[in-house]
């Protein structure tokens, strides 16, 4: 359960979970494969390989996993069949096929193709850090994260969360280049800048010292930092975006070697140890982010 992305949401009021009832709540939306006529399904699965529960709890953190199955129906295939059917009907009747009739035909085509369509599955993990009063989703976009939150909200009936920060943080990230980054943060060699002018010009630098004159020139030209690569306490590296979305999250060997003594065939024990370690590392990281980007 080592996330590659972090979309962070904070609770707006004190939140707790009753793990005695959580299983039955999540079973309201347990994953079921697509039937022959369904184009998409989603639901919760066991986050632990071969586990029995639809969640994993340890050290006041609760992990869940949402699985999604989607039938692949290329638009070119559907539109190709529709064009053939419309052409035949117009030849047989001598009359054009109206928009509503074409829409109905398209629905019929989709339903006929669904049983033969290939399926694509995906998994999205999330962790509720009760001590920190945040939810963290392994998603690269707000939309993908909100899908998980929405499904969880339907199951437990209440999930009062808002994005981790209220406003964009370009000025704070830019100050790291102009002055100094916080003690726990080391700037790496990658950043993205965006102009505050109407043209919204974007500049990206990679594998380059961020204190180089040609890099700082982007700031002097009126651009602000949108994304920046950092190292945190030699424990992880990532890209921090202006909305505090975290991408390309990677934990260093210092962290990853901590549970190496657990045999790989002890799947449940390894998962539990990694889950606890991951939750603790992310919790500390979020705590420092909260202090750095504190809002009124």
Protein backbone atom coordinates (compact mmCIF):
# COMPACT_ATOMS: atom_id res chain seq x y z
CA UNK A 1 0.00 0.00 0.00
CA UNK A 2 2.79 2.41 -0.93
CA UNK A 3 1.02 5.33 -2.60
CA UNK A 4 2.44 7.12 -5.63
CA UNK A 5 0.22 10.17 -5.18
CA UNK A 6 -1.37 11.98 -2.27
CA UNK A 7 -4.59 13.92 -2.51
CA UNK A 8 -5.14 15.19 1.03
CA UNK A 9 -8.47 16.18 2.57
CA UNK A 10 -9.02 17.40 6.12
CA UNK A 11 -12.09 16.81 8.25
CA UNK A 12 -14.16 19.88 9.06
CA UNK A 13 -15.32 18.43 12.38
CA UNK A 14 -14.07 15.75 14.75
CA UNK A 15 -14.33 12.41 12.97
CA UNK A 16 -14.11 8.85 14.24
CA UNK A 17 -14.78 5.40 12.81
CA UNK A 18 -16.29 2.39 14.53
CA UNK A 19 -14.35 -0.54 13.11
CA UNK A 20 -16.92 -2.92 14.64
CA UNK A 21 -19.53 -1.69 12.17
CA UNK A 22 -17.32 -0.53 9.30
CA UNK A 23 -17.32 -3.91 7.58
CA UNK A 24 -21.12 -4.03 7.32
CA UNK A 25 -21.14 -0.41 6.14
CA UNK A 26 -18.64 -1.05 3.35
CA UNK A 27 -20.56 -4.15 2.31
CA UNK A 28 -23.27 -1.78 1.08
CA UNK A 29 -20.95 -1.14 -1.85
CA UNK A 30 -18.84 -4.28 -2.15
CA UNK A 31 -17.31 -4.73 -5.60
CA UNK A 32 -19.17 -6.91 -8.08
CA UNK A 33 -17.91 -7.60 -11.62
CA UNK A 34 -19.79 -6.10 -14.54
CA UNK A 35 -22.72 -8.12 -15.75
CA UNK A 36 -23.10 -8.68 -19.49
CA UNK A 37 -25.12 -5.46 -19.83
CA UNK A 38 -23.21 -3.19 -17.43
CA UNK A 39 -20.62 -0.78 -18.81
CA UNK A 40 -19.06 0.00 -15.42
CA UNK A 41 -19.14 -1.12 -11.78
CA UNK A 42 -17.19 -0.08 -8.70
CA UNK A 43 -17.02 -1.09 -5.08
CA UNK A 44 -14.76 -1.87 -2.16
CA UNK A 45 -12.49 -4.90 -2.00
CA UNK A 46 -10.09 -6.36 0.56
CA UNK A 47 -7.06 -4.05 0.71
CA UNK A 48 -4.98 -6.95 2.08
CA UNK A 49 -4.17 -9.67 -0.48
CA UNK A 50 -6.42 -12.65 0.33
CA UNK A 51 -7.80 -10.73 3.31
CA UNK A 52 -11.30 -11.15 4.68
CA UNK A 53 -12.25 -7.57 5.58
CA UNK A 54 -13.00 -4.60 3.34
CA UNK A 55 -10.64 -2.42 5.37
CA UNK A 56 -7.37 -2.63 7.26
CA UNK A 57 -6.87 -0.87 10.57
CA UNK A 58 -3.62 -0.31 12.48
CA UNK A 59 -2.26 2.44 14.74
CA UNK A 60 -5.39 4.58 14.38
CA UNK A 61 -5.22 4.49 10.58
CA UNK A 62 -7.79 2.80 8.36
CA UNK A 63 -7.04 1.72 4.80
CA UNK A 64 -9.58 0.95 2.07
CA UNK A 65 -9.40 0.03 -1.61
CA UNK A 66 -11.95 0.88 -4.31
CA UNK A 67 -11.97 -1.36 -7.38
CA UNK A 68 -13.43 -0.23 -10.68
CA UNK A 69 -14.24 -2.32 -13.73
CA UNK A 70 -15.05 -0.66 -17.03
CA UNK A 71 -15.99 -2.18 -20.38
CA UNK A 72 -13.88 -0.91 -23.26
CA UNK A 73 -16.02 0.17 -26.18
CA UNK A 74 -14.00 2.34 -28.60
CA UNK A 75 -16.05 5.22 -29.96
CA UNK A 76 -14.79 4.42 -33.45
CA UNK A 77 -16.34 0.94 -33.26
CA UNK A 78 -19.70 2.19 -31.97
CA UNK A 79 -19.86 5.07 -34.45
CA UNK A 80 -18.81 2.77 -37.30
CA UNK A 81 -21.70 0.39 -36.62
CA UNK A 82 -24.08 3.30 -36.17
CA UNK A 83 -23.07 4.76 -39.52
CA UNK A 84 -23.69 1.43 -41.26
CA UNK A 85 -27.12 1.00 -39.65
CA UNK A 86 -28.18 4.59 -40.43
CA UNK A 87 -27.02 4.20 -44.02
CA UNK A 88 -29.00 0.97 -44.46
CA UNK A 89 -32.17 2.39 -42.90
CA UNK A 90 -31.99 5.48 -45.09
CA UNK A 91 -31.49 3.30 -48.20
CA UNK A 92 -34.43 1.06 -47.26
CA UNK A 93 -36.84 3.84 -46.29
CA UNK A 94 -35.63 6.70 -48.43
CA UNK A 95 -35.89 9.00 -45.40
CA UNK A 96 -33.18 10.48 -43.17
CA UNK A 97 -32.76 9.10 -39.67
CA UNK A 98 -33.45 11.80 -37.06
CA UNK A 99 -31.21 12.62 -34.09
CA UNK A 100 -33.45 10.90 -31.55
CA UNK A 101 -33.64 7.75 -33.65
CA UNK A 102 -29.85 7.76 -34.05
CA UNK A 103 -29.46 8.12 -30.30
CA UNK A 104 -31.72 5.12 -29.73
CA UNK A 105 -29.81 3.12 -32.33
CA UNK A 106 -26.55 3.97 -30.64
CA UNK A 107 -27.86 2.73 -27.28
CA UNK A 108 -28.96 -0.54 -28.92
CA UNK A 109 -25.51 -0.96 -30.49
CA UNK A 110 -23.77 -0.39 -27.15
CA UNK A 111 -25.99 -2.95 -25.43
CA UNK A 112 -25.31 -5.50 -28.17
CA UNK A 113 -21.55 -4.97 -27.96
CA UNK A 114 -21.20 -4.98 -24.17
CA UNK A 115 -21.20 -8.79 -23.70
CA UNK A 116 -18.24 -9.05 -26.10
CA UNK A 117 -16.29 -6.05 -24.81
CA UNK A 118 -12.99 -6.34 -22.97
CA UNK A 119 -12.81 -5.12 -19.38
CA UNK A 120 -10.32 -2.79 -17.74
CA UNK A 121 -9.89 -2.77 -13.97
CA UNK A 122 -8.25 -0.24 -11.68
CA UNK A 123 -7.72 0.14 -7.94
CA UNK A 124 -7.59 3.30 -5.84
CA UNK A 125 -6.37 3.14 -2.27
CA UNK A 126 -7.13 5.59 0.52
CA UNK A 127 -6.12 5.91 4.15
CA UNK A 128 -8.00 7.69 6.92
CA UNK A 129 -5.45 9.02 9.42
CA UNK A 130 -7.61 9.52 12.48
CA UNK A 131 -4.85 11.03 14.64
CA UNK A 132 -4.16 13.61 11.94
CA UNK A 133 -7.88 13.96 11.04
CA UNK A 134 -7.25 13.69 7.32
CA UNK A 135 -8.08 11.37 4.43
CA UNK A 136 -5.34 10.61 1.92
CA UNK A 137 -6.19 9.19 -1.52
CA UNK A 138 -3.70 7.68 -3.96
CA UNK A 139 -5.01 9.67 -6.92
CA UNK A 140 -3.42 12.11 -9.34
CA UNK A 141 -6.58 14.18 -9.92
CA UNK A 142 -9.31 15.70 -7.77
CA UNK A 143 -11.95 13.85 -9.79
CA UNK A 144 -10.44 10.42 -9.16
CA UNK A 145 -10.09 11.20 -5.45
CA UNK A 146 -13.66 12.43 -5.19
CA UNK A 147 -14.96 9.14 -6.63
CA UNK A 148 -13.45 7.28 -3.67
CA UNK A 149 -14.69 9.84 -1.16
CA UNK A 150 -18.18 9.75 -2.65
CA UNK A 151 -18.37 5.95 -2.46
CA UNK A 152 -17.10 5.96 1.12
CA UNK A 153 -19.57 8.70 2.02
CA UNK A 154 -22.46 6.61 0.69
CA UNK A 155 -21.38 3.70 2.88
CA UNK A 156 -20.73 5.47 6.18
CA UNK A 157 -23.29 8.25 5.51
CA UNK A 158 -21.04 11.11 6.63
CA UNK A 159 -17.59 12.20 5.51
CA UNK A 160 -17.18 15.94 6.24
CA UNK A 161 -13.96 16.74 4.38
CA UNK A 162 -12.54 19.66 2.41
CA UNK A 163 -9.29 20.03 0.42
CA UNK A 164 -6.19 20.27 2.61
CA UNK A 165 -5.64 23.95 1.74
CA UNK A 166 -8.21 26.56 0.79
CA UNK A 167 -6.07 28.51 -1.68
CA UNK A 168 -3.34 27.96 -4.22
CA UNK A 169 0.17 28.05 -2.78
CA UNK A 170 2.30 29.30 -5.68
CA UNK A 171 3.69 32.21 -3.66
CA UNK A 172 4.94 29.93 -0.87
CA UNK A 173 6.61 27.56 -3.35
CA UNK A 174 8.15 30.51 -5.17
CA UNK A 175 9.55 31.91 -1.92
CA UNK A 176 11.44 28.64 -1.46
CA UNK A 177 13.45 29.53 -4.56
CA UNK A 178 13.77 33.22 -3.82
CA UNK A 179 14.83 32.72 -0.22
CA UNK A 180 15.10 29.37 1.59
CA UNK A 181 13.01 26.22 1.82
CA UNK A 182 11.97 24.98 5.30
CA UNK A 183 14.59 22.98 7.20
CA UNK A 184 12.82 19.67 6.53
CA UNK A 185 12.66 20.32 2.77
CA UNK A 186 15.47 20.05 0.25
CA UNK A 187 14.84 21.33 -3.26
CA UNK A 188 15.78 18.93 -6.05
CA UNK A 189 16.31 19.60 -9.74
CA UNK A 190 12.87 19.99 -11.28
CA UNK A 191 10.20 22.70 -11.30
CA UNK A 192 7.38 24.14 -13.36
CA UNK A 193 6.64 27.86 -13.60
CA UNK A 194 3.52 29.66 -14.82
CA UNK A 195 3.19 33.28 -15.78
CA UNK A 196 0.76 35.50 -13.88
CA UNK A 197 0.10 37.39 -17.12
CA UNK A 198 -2.93 36.70 -19.28
CA UNK A 199 -0.91 34.49 -21.63
CA UNK A 200 -0.34 31.95 -18.82
CA UNK A 201 3.01 30.97 -20.29
CA UNK A 202 4.50 27.81 -18.76
CA UNK A 203 8.18 26.94 -18.36
CA UNK A 204 9.57 23.61 -17.16
CA UNK A 205 13.07 22.87 -15.97
CA UNK A 206 14.47 19.43 -15.26
CA UNK A 207 17.86 18.13 -14.13
CA UNK A 208 18.98 21.65 -13.39
CA UNK A 209 20.00 23.48 -10.21
CA UNK A 210 17.00 25.52 -9.17
CA UNK A 211 19.18 28.34 -7.85
CA UNK A 212 20.80 28.84 -11.26
CA UNK A 213 20.40 32.31 -12.75
CA UNK A 214 18.52 31.06 -15.81
CA UNK A 215 15.99 29.33 -13.55
CA UNK A 216 15.52 32.32 -11.25
CA UNK A 217 15.02 34.44 -14.36
CA UNK A 218 11.57 32.86 -14.73
CA UNK A 219 10.59 34.37 -11.38
CA UNK A 220 12.04 37.74 -12.34
CA UNK A 221 9.94 37.56 -15.50
CA UNK A 222 6.76 37.29 -13.42
CA UNK A 223 6.26 33.53 -13.25
CA UNK A 224 5.33 31.62 -10.11
CA UNK A 225 6.22 28.05 -9.15
CA UNK A 226 3.38 25.62 -9.95
CA UNK A 227 5.21 22.38 -9.17
CA UNK A 228 8.53 21.62 -7.55
CA UNK A 229 10.53 18.47 -6.81
CA UNK A 230 11.64 18.07 -3.19
CA UNK A 231 13.19 15.66 -0.74
CA UNK A 232 11.71 15.45 2.75
CA UNK A 233 14.04 14.58 5.65
CA UNK A 234 15.82 12.03 3.44
CA UNK A 235 12.71 9.86 3.90
CA UNK A 236 10.86 10.53 0.65
CA UNK A 237 10.94 12.48 -2.60
CA UNK A 238 7.99 13.89 -4.50
CA UNK A 239 6.57 16.67 -6.62
CA UNK A 240 4.56 19.25 -4.66
CA UNK A 241 1.94 21.12 -6.69
CA UNK A 242 0.40 24.49 -5.97
CA UNK A 243 -2.74 22.84 -4.51
CA UNK A 244 -0.53 20.61 -2.32
CA UNK A 245 -1.31 17.61 -4.46
CA UNK A 246 1.64 15.23 -4.16
CA UNK A 247 2.81 13.28 -7.20
CA UNK A 248 5.63 10.85 -7.98
CA UNK A 249 5.89 9.99 -4.31
CA UNK A 250 8.82 7.68 -3.63
CA UNK A 251 10.17 6.57 -0.27
CA UNK A 252 13.91 6.28 0.14
CA UNK A 253 15.84 3.13 0.98
CA UNK A 254 16.06 4.32 4.58
CA UNK A 255 12.31 3.74 4.86
CA UNK A 256 11.88 0.81 2.50
CA UNK A 257 14.51 -1.28 4.27
CA UNK A 258 12.80 -1.07 7.66
CA UNK A 259 10.56 -4.09 7.04
CA UNK A 260 12.94 -6.14 4.92
CA UNK A 261 13.33 -8.71 7.69
CA UNK A 262 9.70 -9.86 7.23
CA UNK A 263 9.57 -12.84 4.80
CA UNK A 264 7.67 -12.07 1.61
CA UNK A 265 5.57 -15.21 1.98
CA UNK A 266 4.10 -13.81 5.21
CA UNK A 267 1.78 -11.62 3.15
CA UNK A 268 -0.57 -10.43 5.91
CA UNK A 269 2.25 -9.62 8.33
CA UNK A 270 4.21 -7.79 5.62
CA UNK A 271 1.17 -5.78 4.59
CA UNK A 272 0.38 -4.82 8.17
CA UNK A 273 3.97 -3.71 8.84
CA UNK A 274 4.18 -1.75 5.58
CA UNK A 275 0.77 -0.17 6.20
CA UNK A 276 1.80 1.00 9.66
CA UNK A 277 5.13 2.31 8.39
CA UNK A 278 3.56 4.07 5.42
CA UNK A 279 0.84 5.65 7.58
CA UNK A 280 3.37 6.92 10.11
CA UNK A 281 5.63 8.40 7.42
CA UNK A 282 2.77 10.12 5.60
CA UNK A 283 1.29 11.37 8.86
CA UNK A 284 4.57 13.07 9.81
CA UNK A 285 4.93 14.53 6.31
CA UNK A 286 1.39 15.94 6.42
CA UNK A 287 1.97 17.38 9.89
CA UNK A 288 4.95 19.36 8.58
CA UNK A 289 3.05 20.44 5.46
CA UNK A 290 0.28 21.70 7.73
CA UNK A 291 2.76 23.84 9.65
CA UNK A 292 4.50 25.13 6.53
CA UNK A 293 1.32 26.02 4.67
CA UNK A 294 -0.76 27.10 7.69
CA UNK A 295 -3.70 29.25 6.65
CA UNK A 296 -5.65 31.73 8.65
